[in-house]
C-alpha atoms as a PDB file:
ATOM      1  CA  MET A   1      33.328 -16.317  -5.200  1.00  0.00           C
ATOM      2  CA  SER A   2      33.657 -19.821  -6.546  1.00  0.00           C
ATOM      3  CA  LYS A   3      33.232 -20.712 -10.178  1.00  0.00           C
ATOM      4  CA  GLU A   4      30.087 -22.748  -9.478  1.00  0.00           C
ATOM      5  CA  SER A   5      28.524 -19.844  -7.615  1.00  0.00           C
ATOM      6  CA  SER A   6      29.192 -17.358 -10.411  1.00  0.00           C
ATOM      7  CA  THR A   7      27.975 -19.820 -13.057  1.00  0.00           C
ATOM      8  CA  ARG A   8      24.780 -20.368 -11.058  1.00  0.00           C
ATOM      9  CA  GLU A   9      24.262 -16.626 -10.753  1.00  0.00           C
ATOM     10  CA  ILE A  10      24.687 -16.142 -14.498  1.00  0.00           C
ATOM     11  CA  TRP A  11      22.126 -18.861 -15.185  1.00  0.00           C
ATOM     12  CA  ILE A  12      19.657 -17.263 -12.778  1.00  0.00           C
ATOM     13  CA  VAL A  13      20.056 -13.926 -14.555  1.00  0.00           C
ATOM     14  CA  PHE A  14      19.709 -15.686 -17.917  1.00  0.00           C
ATOM     15  CA  TRP A  15      16.392 -17.235 -16.889  1.00  0.00           C
ATOM     16  CA  ILE A  16      15.100 -13.955 -15.480  1.00  0.00           C
ATOM     17  CA  LEU A  17      15.996 -12.127 -18.708  1.00  0.00           C
ATOM     18  CA  LEU A  18      14.466 -14.926 -20.783  1.00  0.00           C
ATOM     19  CA  ILE A  19      11.191 -14.766 -18.850  1.00  0.00           C
ATOM     20  CA  VAL A  20      10.994 -10.961 -19.061  1.00  0.00           C
ATOM     21  CA  THR A  21      11.749 -11.074 -22.793  1.00  0.00           C
ATOM     22  CA  ALA A  22       9.155 -13.821 -23.328  1.00  0.00           C
ATOM     23  CA  ILE A  23       6.560 -11.686 -21.528  1.00  0.00           C
ATOM     24  CA  GLU A  24       7.437  -8.755 -23.795  1.00  0.00           C
ATOM     25  CA  VAL A  25       7.160 -10.887 -26.937  1.00  0.00           C
ATOM     26  CA  VAL A  26       3.843 -12.439 -25.884  1.00  0.00           C
ATOM     27  CA  LEU A  27       2.392  -9.018 -25.013  1.00  0.00           C
ATOM     28  CA  GLY A  28       3.638  -7.648 -28.336  1.00  0.00           C
ATOM     29  CA  ILE A  29       1.969 -10.457 -30.276  1.00  0.00           C
ATOM     30  CA  ILE A  30      -1.298 -10.622 -28.330  1.00  0.00           C
ATOM     31  CA  LYS A  31      -1.720  -6.887 -27.598  1.00  0.00           C
ATOM     32  CA  PRO A  32      -4.451  -7.236 -24.967  1.00  0.00           C
ATOM     33  CA  PRO A  33      -7.260  -4.750 -25.723  1.00  0.00           C
ATOM     34  CA  PHE A  34      -7.410  -3.387 -22.169  1.00  0.00           C
ATOM     35  CA  MET A  35      -3.694  -2.537 -22.371  1.00  0.00           C
ATOM     36  CA  VAL A  36      -4.038  -0.832 -25.734  1.00  0.00           C
ATOM     37  CA  GLU A  37      -7.143   1.184 -24.828  1.00  0.00           C
ATOM     38  CA  ASN A  38      -6.015   2.496 -21.408  1.00  0.00           C
ATOM     39  CA  TYR A  39      -3.576   5.377 -21.212  1.00  0.00           C
ATOM     40  CA  ILE A  40      -1.093   6.511 -18.564  1.00  0.00           C
ATOM     41  CA  VAL A  41       0.571   9.896 -19.140  1.00  0.00           C
ATOM     42  CA  GLY A  42      -0.498   9.850 -22.777  1.00  0.00           C
ATOM     43  CA  VAL A  43       0.958   6.409 -23.456  1.00  0.00           C
ATOM     44  CA  THR A  44      -0.884   3.118 -23.681  1.00  0.00           C
ATOM     45  CA  LEU A  45      -0.624   0.759 -20.757  1.00  0.00           C
ATOM     46  CA  LEU A  46       1.052  -1.723 -23.098  1.00  0.00           C
ATOM     47  CA  ASN A  47       3.845   0.696 -23.964  1.00  0.00           C
ATOM     48  CA  MET A  48       4.274   1.628 -20.306  1.00  0.00           C
ATOM     49  CA  THR A  49       4.612  -2.079 -19.500  1.00  0.00           C
ATOM     50  CA  PHE A  50       7.336  -2.382 -22.144  1.00  0.00           C
ATOM     51  CA  ILE A  51       9.177   0.571 -20.610  1.00  0.00           C
ATOM     52  CA  VAL A  52       9.077  -0.945 -17.119  1.00  0.00           C
ATOM     53  CA  LEU A  53      10.163  -4.376 -18.347  1.00  0.00           C
ATOM     54  CA  THR A  54      13.036  -2.811 -20.298  1.00  0.00           C
ATOM     55  CA  ILE A  55      14.240  -1.002 -17.166  1.00  0.00           C
ATOM     56  CA  VAL A  56      14.103  -4.315 -15.268  1.00  0.00           C
ATOM     57  CA  LYS A  57      16.175  -5.973 -17.988  1.00  0.00           C
ATOM     58  CA  ALA A  58      18.690  -3.107 -17.960  1.00  0.00           C
ATOM     59  CA  TYR A  59      19.096  -3.524 -14.197  1.00  0.00           C
ATOM     60  CA  TYR A  60      19.835  -7.247 -14.456  1.00  0.00           C
ATOM     61  CA  ILE A  61      22.240  -6.775 -17.360  1.00  0.00           C
ATOM     62  CA  VAL A  62      24.201  -4.111 -15.491  1.00  0.00           C
ATOM     63  CA  TYR A  63      24.087  -6.066 -12.235  1.00  0.00           C
ATOM     64  CA  ALA A  64      25.295  -9.398 -13.598  1.00  0.00           C
ATOM     65  CA  PHE A  65      27.229  -8.889 -16.802  1.00  0.00           C
ATOM     66  CA  MET A  66      29.020  -5.706 -15.766  1.00  0.00           C
ATOM     67  CA  HIS A  67      29.903  -7.399 -12.448  1.00  0.00           C
ATOM     68  CA  LEU A  68      28.176  -4.732 -10.413  1.00  0.00           C
ATOM     69  CA  GLY A  69      26.801  -7.284  -7.961  1.00  0.00           C
ATOM     70  CA  SER A  70      30.141  -7.704  -6.205  1.00  0.00           C
ATOM     71  CA  GLU A  71      30.952  -3.987  -5.880  1.00  0.00           C
ATOM     72  CA  ARG A  72      30.559  -1.704  -2.881  1.00  0.00           C
ATOM     73  CA  LYS A  73      27.142  -0.313  -2.059  1.00  0.00           C
ATOM     74  CA  ASN A  74      28.027   3.306  -2.943  1.00  0.00           C
ATOM     75  CA  LEU A  75      29.275   2.342  -6.400  1.00  0.00           C
ATOM     76  CA  LYS A  76      26.173   0.225  -7.008  1.00  0.00           C
ATOM     77  CA  LEU A  77      23.918   3.119  -6.059  1.00  0.00           C
ATOM     78  CA  SER A  78      25.811   5.639  -8.185  1.00  0.00           C
ATOM     79  CA  ILE A  79      25.275   3.466 -11.251  1.00  0.00           C
ATOM     80  CA  LEU A  80      21.810   2.063 -10.509  1.00  0.00           C
ATOM     81  CA  LEU A  81      20.105   5.228  -9.240  1.00  0.00           C
ATOM     82  CA  PRO A  82      20.028   6.770 -12.733  1.00  0.00           C
ATOM     83  CA  ILE A  83      18.330   3.616 -13.982  1.00  0.00           C
ATOM     84  CA  TRP A  84      15.726   3.732 -11.195  1.00  0.00           C
ATOM     85  CA  ILE A  85      15.151   7.491 -10.934  1.00  0.00           C
ATOM     86  CA  LEU A  86      16.580   9.549 -13.776  1.00  0.00           C
ATOM     87  CA  ILE A  87      15.488   7.416 -16.725  1.00  0.00           C
ATOM     88  CA  PRO A  88      11.848   7.087 -15.561  1.00  0.00           C
ATOM     89  CA  TYR A  89      11.793  10.820 -14.795  1.00  0.00           C
ATOM     90  CA  LEU A  90      13.121  11.697 -18.248  1.00  0.00           C
ATOM     91  CA  LEU A  91      10.619   9.306 -19.833  1.00  0.00           C
ATOM     92  CA  PHE A  92       7.816  10.969 -17.854  1.00  0.00           C
ATOM     93  CA  ILE A  93       8.871  14.394 -19.149  1.00  0.00           C
ATOM     94  CA  LEU A  94       9.194  13.116 -22.711  1.00  0.00           C
ATOM     95  CA  LEU A  95       5.839  11.359 -22.695  1.00  0.00           C
ATOM     96  CA  THR A  96       4.024  14.243 -21.014  1.00  0.00           C
ATOM     97  CA  GLU A  97       5.373  16.780 -23.490  1.00  0.00           C
ATOM     98  CA  SER A  98       4.629  14.579 -26.491  1.00  0.00           C
ATOM     99  CA  ALA A  99       1.070  14.033 -25.298  1.00  0.00           C
ATOM    100  CA  PHE A 100       0.680  17.795 -24.840  1.00  0.00           C
ATOM    101  CA  GLN A 101       2.065  18.473 -28.330  1.00  0.00           C
ATOM    102  CA  GLU A 102      -0.315  15.938 -29.864  1.00  0.00           C
ATOM    103  CA  PHE A 103      -3.220  17.511 -27.971  1.00  0.00           C
ATOM    104  CA  MET A 104      -2.246  20.972 -29.254  1.00  0.00           C
ATOM    105  CA  LEU A 105      -1.961  19.769 -32.869  1.00  0.00           C
ATOM    106  CA  HIS A 106      -5.141  17.719 -32.993  1.00  0.00           C
ATOM    107  CA  GLY A 107      -7.243  19.623 -30.472  1.00  0.00           C
END
């Protein structure tokens, strides 16, 4: 891979991360009412959006800055599958149980 190609790829990842972060900041400042009032698995739609955007950012950071993009497919999958499957699954369990606990405490 040439130096220009890798520099271009880093800039593309930079702009993607900047846009995702800007979306997070704008949503955090504005806090749209429909996102705060609607719930998914006991969590507001706004918080769920933050979780998804954070997973997207984690993917791009691992892919570009840990040089995972140039590795073999099996190695990529062994590192990225936990990001795509395990972390959302664990978050689902955590959020479901916390919503249940809050329901049990407050009726």
